[in-house]
Amino acid sequence: MKDKIVYVASPFFNDVQRTGLKKIEEAIESVGFKLFSPSRDGIVCPPNGTKEQRLAAFKINIEKISESCAVVAWVDWLNPSGCQTRVIREVDSKINIPLPKELLELVAVGAQVKKQVDDARKGKKSVILPQHMQRPEDLKIPNSIDMRLGSTQHIDEYVTPPLNLPDIGTVFEMGIAHTQNIPIFSLSMVGGPLNLMLAEAVVSHSCSIDELKIAIGKFLPVALEPATEEYVRVVSELKMSGSFGGEII
C-alpha cells in the first residue's frame, strides 16, 4: 500500500526557486503529508553530469512519482516577487578599420593595371604601362572596411520573460503522474498562464500556498482510498472548485 507521500515537482535552479520550493515543502508537511522533493531527498545531477548520474536521478524520480499518492507541481518559473532571468545570446562582432591614403592609391593603381592587362589579353596585345597611372573614373574604393571578429558571447542585462512558463522537467513529471492516475495539484503564485493540456490534467490548481494547503487538506483523508466513492467525490469537488488566476493557453 502507498504511504501518504506527495511528490513535489518543481524547478530548483536558482536561489529564488529554492526559496519558493522550501515554502511549498513546509506547507505540504504542515497539512500532514510526507513528501519526496528531488532536490532535498533525491539525487541531484550536476550540470553536464555523466550518463550514469543522469540515469540515477531519472530512475529515482520516476520511482518516487509511482510510489506517491499525489503530485504537487509548482508551475512558476519566475519568483512571485518578479524574478528576472539573465539572457546570454550569440552575437556577431565586427570592427570598422579606416584605410590609409597610401593604400587607397595602391588599390587604384592595381585596379588600373588589371584593366590594362585585361584589355591587352582581349586584343592579344602586349601590355604597355605608362609611368603615371590614373585612377579609373568609375572605380569606387571605400574609405574603410568592416572586419568580422567571429561569433562572440554577449551577456544582456537581466530581463523579464513575457510569459511565466513552467519548467519543462516539471511538465514531464506531471505527464508521468497523469498516465498513472496520480492526482496532480498545481500551484502558480504569480497567476501565469497555464497550458490547456496541463489545466485538464490537474485535480486542483491553486494561486497561493494557502489555497494549496486547503486543497491538499481536503484530499488528505481519502489519499489512500482511490477505489472508494468518497475518494471520487472529493476529487470531483476539487476539480470543480479549482481556481485559475491566470489565463489558459
Protein backbone atom coordinates (compact mmCIF):
# COMPACT_ATOMS: atom_id res chain seq x y z
CA MET A 1 0.00 0.00 0.00
CA LYS A 2 1.19 3.52 -0.78
CA ASP A 3 2.05 5.82 2.07
CA LYS A 4 0.70 9.36 2.19
CA ILE A 5 3.70 10.69 0.30
CA VAL A 6 3.44 13.68 -2.01
CA TYR A 7 5.95 14.09 -4.83
CA VAL A 8 6.97 17.71 -5.33
CA ALA A 9 7.64 18.64 -8.96
CA SER A 10 9.38 21.99 -9.17
CA PRO A 11 12.34 23.87 -10.60
CA PHE A 12 15.20 24.45 -8.17
CA PHE A 13 17.85 26.02 -10.35
CA ASN A 14 18.43 29.30 -8.53
CA ASP A 15 18.10 30.75 -5.03
CA VAL A 16 14.73 32.29 -5.76
CA GLN A 17 13.25 28.99 -6.88
CA ARG A 18 14.81 27.13 -3.96
CA THR A 19 13.29 29.63 -1.51
CA GLY A 20 9.83 29.21 -3.01
CA LEU A 21 10.22 25.42 -3.05
CA LYS A 22 11.06 25.36 0.65
CA LYS A 23 7.82 27.20 1.44
CA ILE A 24 5.87 24.66 -0.59
CA GLU A 25 7.56 21.75 1.18
CA GLU A 26 6.76 23.24 4.57
CA ALA A 27 3.12 23.80 3.57
CA ILE A 28 2.67 20.21 2.43
CA GLU A 29 4.19 18.78 5.59
CA SER A 30 2.12 21.11 7.79
CA VAL A 31 -1.06 19.56 6.40
CA GLY A 32 0.07 16.07 7.41
CA PHE A 33 1.61 14.58 4.29
CA LYS A 34 5.08 13.15 3.98
CA LEU A 35 6.86 14.23 0.84
CA PHE A 36 9.59 13.45 -1.61
CA SER A 37 11.30 16.51 -3.04
CA PRO A 38 14.01 15.62 -5.59
CA SER A 39 16.33 18.47 -4.66
CA ARG A 40 16.10 17.60 -0.96
CA ASP A 41 15.56 13.83 -0.89
CA GLY A 42 16.71 12.56 -4.26
CA ILE A 43 19.81 12.57 -6.42
CA VAL A 44 20.69 15.97 -7.81
CA CYS A 45 22.50 15.58 -11.11
CA PRO A 46 25.11 18.32 -11.64
CA PRO A 47 25.13 20.32 -14.89
CA ASN A 48 26.66 18.24 -17.68
CA GLY A 49 26.62 15.19 -15.40
CA THR A 50 27.70 11.78 -16.59
CA LYS A 51 25.27 9.36 -18.19
CA GLU A 52 25.29 7.31 -15.00
CA GLN A 53 24.44 10.36 -12.88
CA ARG A 54 21.60 11.40 -15.19
CA LEU A 55 20.16 7.89 -15.28
CA ALA A 56 20.32 7.53 -11.49
CA ALA A 57 18.44 10.82 -10.95
CA PHE A 58 15.89 9.94 -13.65
CA LYS A 59 15.17 6.47 -12.24
CA ILE A 60 14.65 7.53 -8.64
CA ASN A 61 12.33 10.38 -9.65
CA ILE A 62 10.18 8.08 -11.79
CA GLU A 63 10.05 5.52 -8.97
CA LYS A 64 9.04 8.12 -6.39
CA ILE A 65 6.29 9.51 -8.61
CA SER A 66 4.87 5.98 -8.94
CA GLU A 67 5.01 5.49 -5.17
CA SER A 68 3.30 8.79 -4.35
CA CYS A 69 -0.38 9.32 -3.59
CA ALA A 70 -0.32 12.77 -5.22
CA VAL A 71 1.95 15.21 -7.04
CA VAL A 72 2.22 18.90 -6.21
CA ALA A 73 3.57 20.78 -9.24
CA TRP A 74 4.85 24.33 -8.97
CA VAL A 75 4.31 25.66 -12.47
CA ASP A 76 6.02 29.04 -11.99
CA TRP A 77 9.45 29.69 -13.42
CA LEU A 78 9.63 33.22 -12.04
CA ASN A 79 9.75 34.25 -8.44
CA PRO A 80 6.43 35.55 -7.03
CA SER A 81 8.11 38.92 -6.49
CA GLY A 82 9.20 39.09 -10.13
CA CYS A 83 12.48 37.27 -10.52
CA GLN A 84 14.26 38.19 -13.71
CA THR A 85 16.28 35.94 -16.00
CA ARG A 86 19.80 36.57 -17.25
CA VAL A 87 19.89 36.15 -21.02
CA ILE A 88 23.03 35.06 -22.87
CA ARG A 89 22.99 35.13 -26.65
CA GLU A 90 25.43 34.80 -29.52
CA VAL A 91 26.17 37.97 -31.48
CA ASP A 92 28.38 38.74 -34.46
CA SER A 93 31.15 41.14 -33.54
CA LYS A 94 32.97 43.32 -36.08
CA ILE A 95 35.14 46.45 -36.19
CA ASN A 96 35.46 49.20 -38.79
CA ILE A 97 39.04 49.86 -39.97
CA PRO A 98 39.83 53.14 -41.83
CA LEU A 99 42.06 52.66 -44.90
CA PRO A 100 45.18 54.91 -45.18
CA LYS A 101 45.51 57.18 -48.22
CA GLU A 102 48.59 55.33 -49.46
CA LEU A 103 46.69 52.02 -49.51
CA LEU A 104 43.79 53.59 -51.39
CA GLU A 105 46.19 54.91 -54.03
CA LEU A 106 47.83 51.48 -54.29
CA VAL A 107 44.45 49.84 -54.79
CA ALA A 108 43.63 52.38 -57.50
CA VAL A 109 46.89 51.68 -59.34
CA GLY A 110 46.37 47.94 -59.04
CA ALA A 111 42.89 48.28 -60.49
CA GLN A 112 44.22 50.28 -63.43
CA VAL A 113 46.98 47.71 -64.05
CA LYS A 114 44.43 44.93 -64.05
CA LYS A 115 42.28 46.85 -66.52
CA GLN A 116 45.25 47.34 -68.86
CA VAL A 117 46.14 43.65 -68.65
CA ASP A 118 42.57 42.54 -69.30
CA ASP A 119 42.27 44.86 -72.30
CA ALA A 120 45.59 43.59 -73.71
CA ARG A 121 44.55 39.96 -73.33
CA LYS A 122 41.30 40.55 -75.12
CA GLY A 123 43.15 42.12 -78.05
CA LYS A 124 46.11 39.75 -77.76
CA LYS A 125 48.44 42.70 -77.48
CA SER A 126 51.47 43.42 -75.36
CA VAL A 127 50.90 45.31 -72.14
CA ILE A 128 52.43 48.77 -72.11
CA LEU A 129 52.01 50.58 -68.81
CA PRO A 130 52.50 54.35 -68.56
CA GLN A 131 54.83 55.77 -65.94
CA HIS A 132 51.99 57.54 -64.15
CA MET A 133 48.81 55.55 -63.65
CA GLN A 134 45.47 57.30 -63.49
CA ARG A 135 42.66 56.17 -61.23
CA PRO A 136 39.72 54.96 -63.35
CA GLU A 137 36.79 57.33 -63.10
CA ASP A 138 34.33 54.51 -62.45
CA LEU A 139 36.44 52.87 -59.73
CA LYS A 140 34.82 53.14 -56.29
CA ILE A 141 37.04 52.42 -53.30
CA PRO A 142 35.65 52.54 -49.73
CA ASN A 143 37.43 54.70 -47.20
CA SER A 144 37.15 51.91 -44.60
CA ILE A 145 36.37 48.21 -44.30
CA ASP A 146 34.44 46.09 -41.77
CA MET A 147 36.40 43.22 -40.26
CA ARG A 148 34.37 40.39 -38.65
CA LEU A 149 35.90 39.09 -35.46
CA GLY A 150 33.74 35.98 -35.32
CA SER A 151 30.85 34.93 -33.12
CA THR A 152 31.26 36.02 -29.50
CA GLN A 153 29.10 35.65 -26.40
CA HIS A 154 27.30 38.73 -25.21
CA ILE A 155 25.53 38.85 -21.85
CA ASP A 156 22.45 41.08 -21.72
CA GLU A 157 21.10 42.79 -18.66
CA TYR A 158 18.62 40.87 -16.57
CA VAL A 159 15.27 40.79 -18.35
CA THR A 160 11.80 39.54 -17.51
CA PRO A 161 10.44 36.97 -19.99
CA PRO A 162 7.00 37.86 -21.39
CA LEU A 163 5.46 34.58 -20.24
CA ASN A 164 5.79 32.71 -16.97
CA LEU A 165 6.05 29.21 -18.43
CA PRO A 166 6.57 26.05 -16.36
CA ASP A 167 9.87 24.23 -16.12
CA ILE A 168 9.90 21.50 -18.79
CA GLY A 169 11.10 18.89 -16.28
CA THR A 170 8.13 19.70 -14.05
CA VAL A 171 5.78 19.31 -17.02
CA PHE A 172 7.28 15.91 -17.82
CA GLU A 173 6.76 14.75 -14.23
CA MET A 174 3.15 15.92 -14.39
CA GLY A 175 2.69 13.82 -17.52
CA ILE A 176 4.12 10.73 -15.82
CA ALA A 177 1.75 11.21 -12.87
CA HIS A 178 -1.28 11.69 -15.11
CA THR A 179 -0.63 8.49 -17.06
CA GLN A 180 -0.61 6.61 -13.74
CA ASN A 181 -3.83 8.25 -12.50
CA ILE A 182 -1.99 10.00 -9.69
CA PRO A 183 -3.78 13.25 -8.68
CA ILE A 184 -1.88 16.43 -9.55
CA PHE A 185 -2.22 19.65 -7.56
CA SER A 186 -0.70 22.56 -9.48
CA LEU A 187 0.38 25.86 -7.97
CA SER A 188 1.12 29.26 -9.50
CA MET A 189 1.99 32.06 -7.12
CA VAL A 190 2.03 34.70 -9.87
CA GLY A 191 -1.09 33.73 -11.79
CA GLY A 192 0.75 32.98 -15.01
CA PRO A 193 -0.90 31.27 -18.00
CA LEU A 194 -1.36 27.51 -17.86
CA ASN A 195 -1.38 25.32 -20.95
CA LEU A 196 -4.81 23.75 -21.53
CA MET A 197 -3.31 20.23 -21.50
CA LEU A 198 -1.97 20.87 -18.00
CA ALA A 199 -5.18 22.56 -16.90
CA GLU A 200 -7.22 19.50 -17.88
CA ALA A 201 -4.75 17.09 -16.24
CA VAL A 202 -4.74 18.59 -12.74
CA VAL A 203 -7.21 17.87 -9.95
CA SER A 204 -6.83 21.31 -8.46
CA HIS A 205 -5.00 24.50 -9.35
CA SER A 206 -4.09 26.96 -6.60
CA CYS A 207 -2.94 30.57 -6.89
CA SER A 208 -1.36 30.75 -3.45
CA ILE A 209 0.21 28.46 -0.87
CA ASP A 210 -2.83 28.95 1.37
CA GLU A 211 -5.11 27.71 -1.41
CA LEU A 212 -2.81 24.75 -1.95
CA LYS A 213 -2.98 23.83 1.74
CA ILE A 214 -6.79 23.88 1.65
CA ALA A 215 -6.90 21.70 -1.47
CA ILE A 216 -4.49 19.01 -0.28
CA GLY A 217 -6.04 19.20 3.20
CA LYS A 218 -9.37 18.11 1.69
CA PHE A 219 -7.60 15.32 -0.16
CA LEU A 220 -5.65 14.02 2.86
CA PRO A 221 -8.43 11.85 4.42
CA VAL A 222 -9.01 9.91 1.18
CA ALA A 223 -5.46 9.94 -0.19
CA LEU A 224 -5.01 6.17 0.18
CA GLU A 225 -8.54 5.16 -0.89
CA PRO A 226 -8.68 5.67 -4.69
CA ALA A 227 -11.27 2.93 -5.20
CA THR A 228 -13.89 4.38 -2.85
CA GLU A 229 -16.89 6.56 -3.61
CA GLU A 230 -15.66 9.14 -1.11
CA TYR A 231 -12.35 9.45 -2.98
CA VAL A 232 -14.19 10.02 -6.26
CA ARG A 233 -16.47 12.59 -4.63
CA VAL A 234 -13.61 14.57 -3.07
CA VAL A 235 -11.54 14.56 -6.26
CA SER A 236 -14.57 15.66 -8.30
CA GLU A 237 -15.29 18.54 -5.91
CA LEU A 238 -11.67 19.65 -6.03
CA LYS A 239 -11.73 19.53 -9.82
CA MET A 240 -14.82 21.71 -9.94
CA SER A 241 -13.63 24.23 -7.35
CA GLY A 242 -10.08 24.69 -8.67
CA SER A 243 -9.30 28.32 -9.45
CA PHE A 244 -7.28 29.68 -12.33
CA GLY A 245 -5.86 33.09 -11.56
CA GLY A 246 -4.20 33.27 -14.97
CA GLU A 247 -5.30 32.56 -18.49
CA ILE A 248 -5.31 29.13 -20.11
CA ILE A 249 -3.31 28.92 -23.32
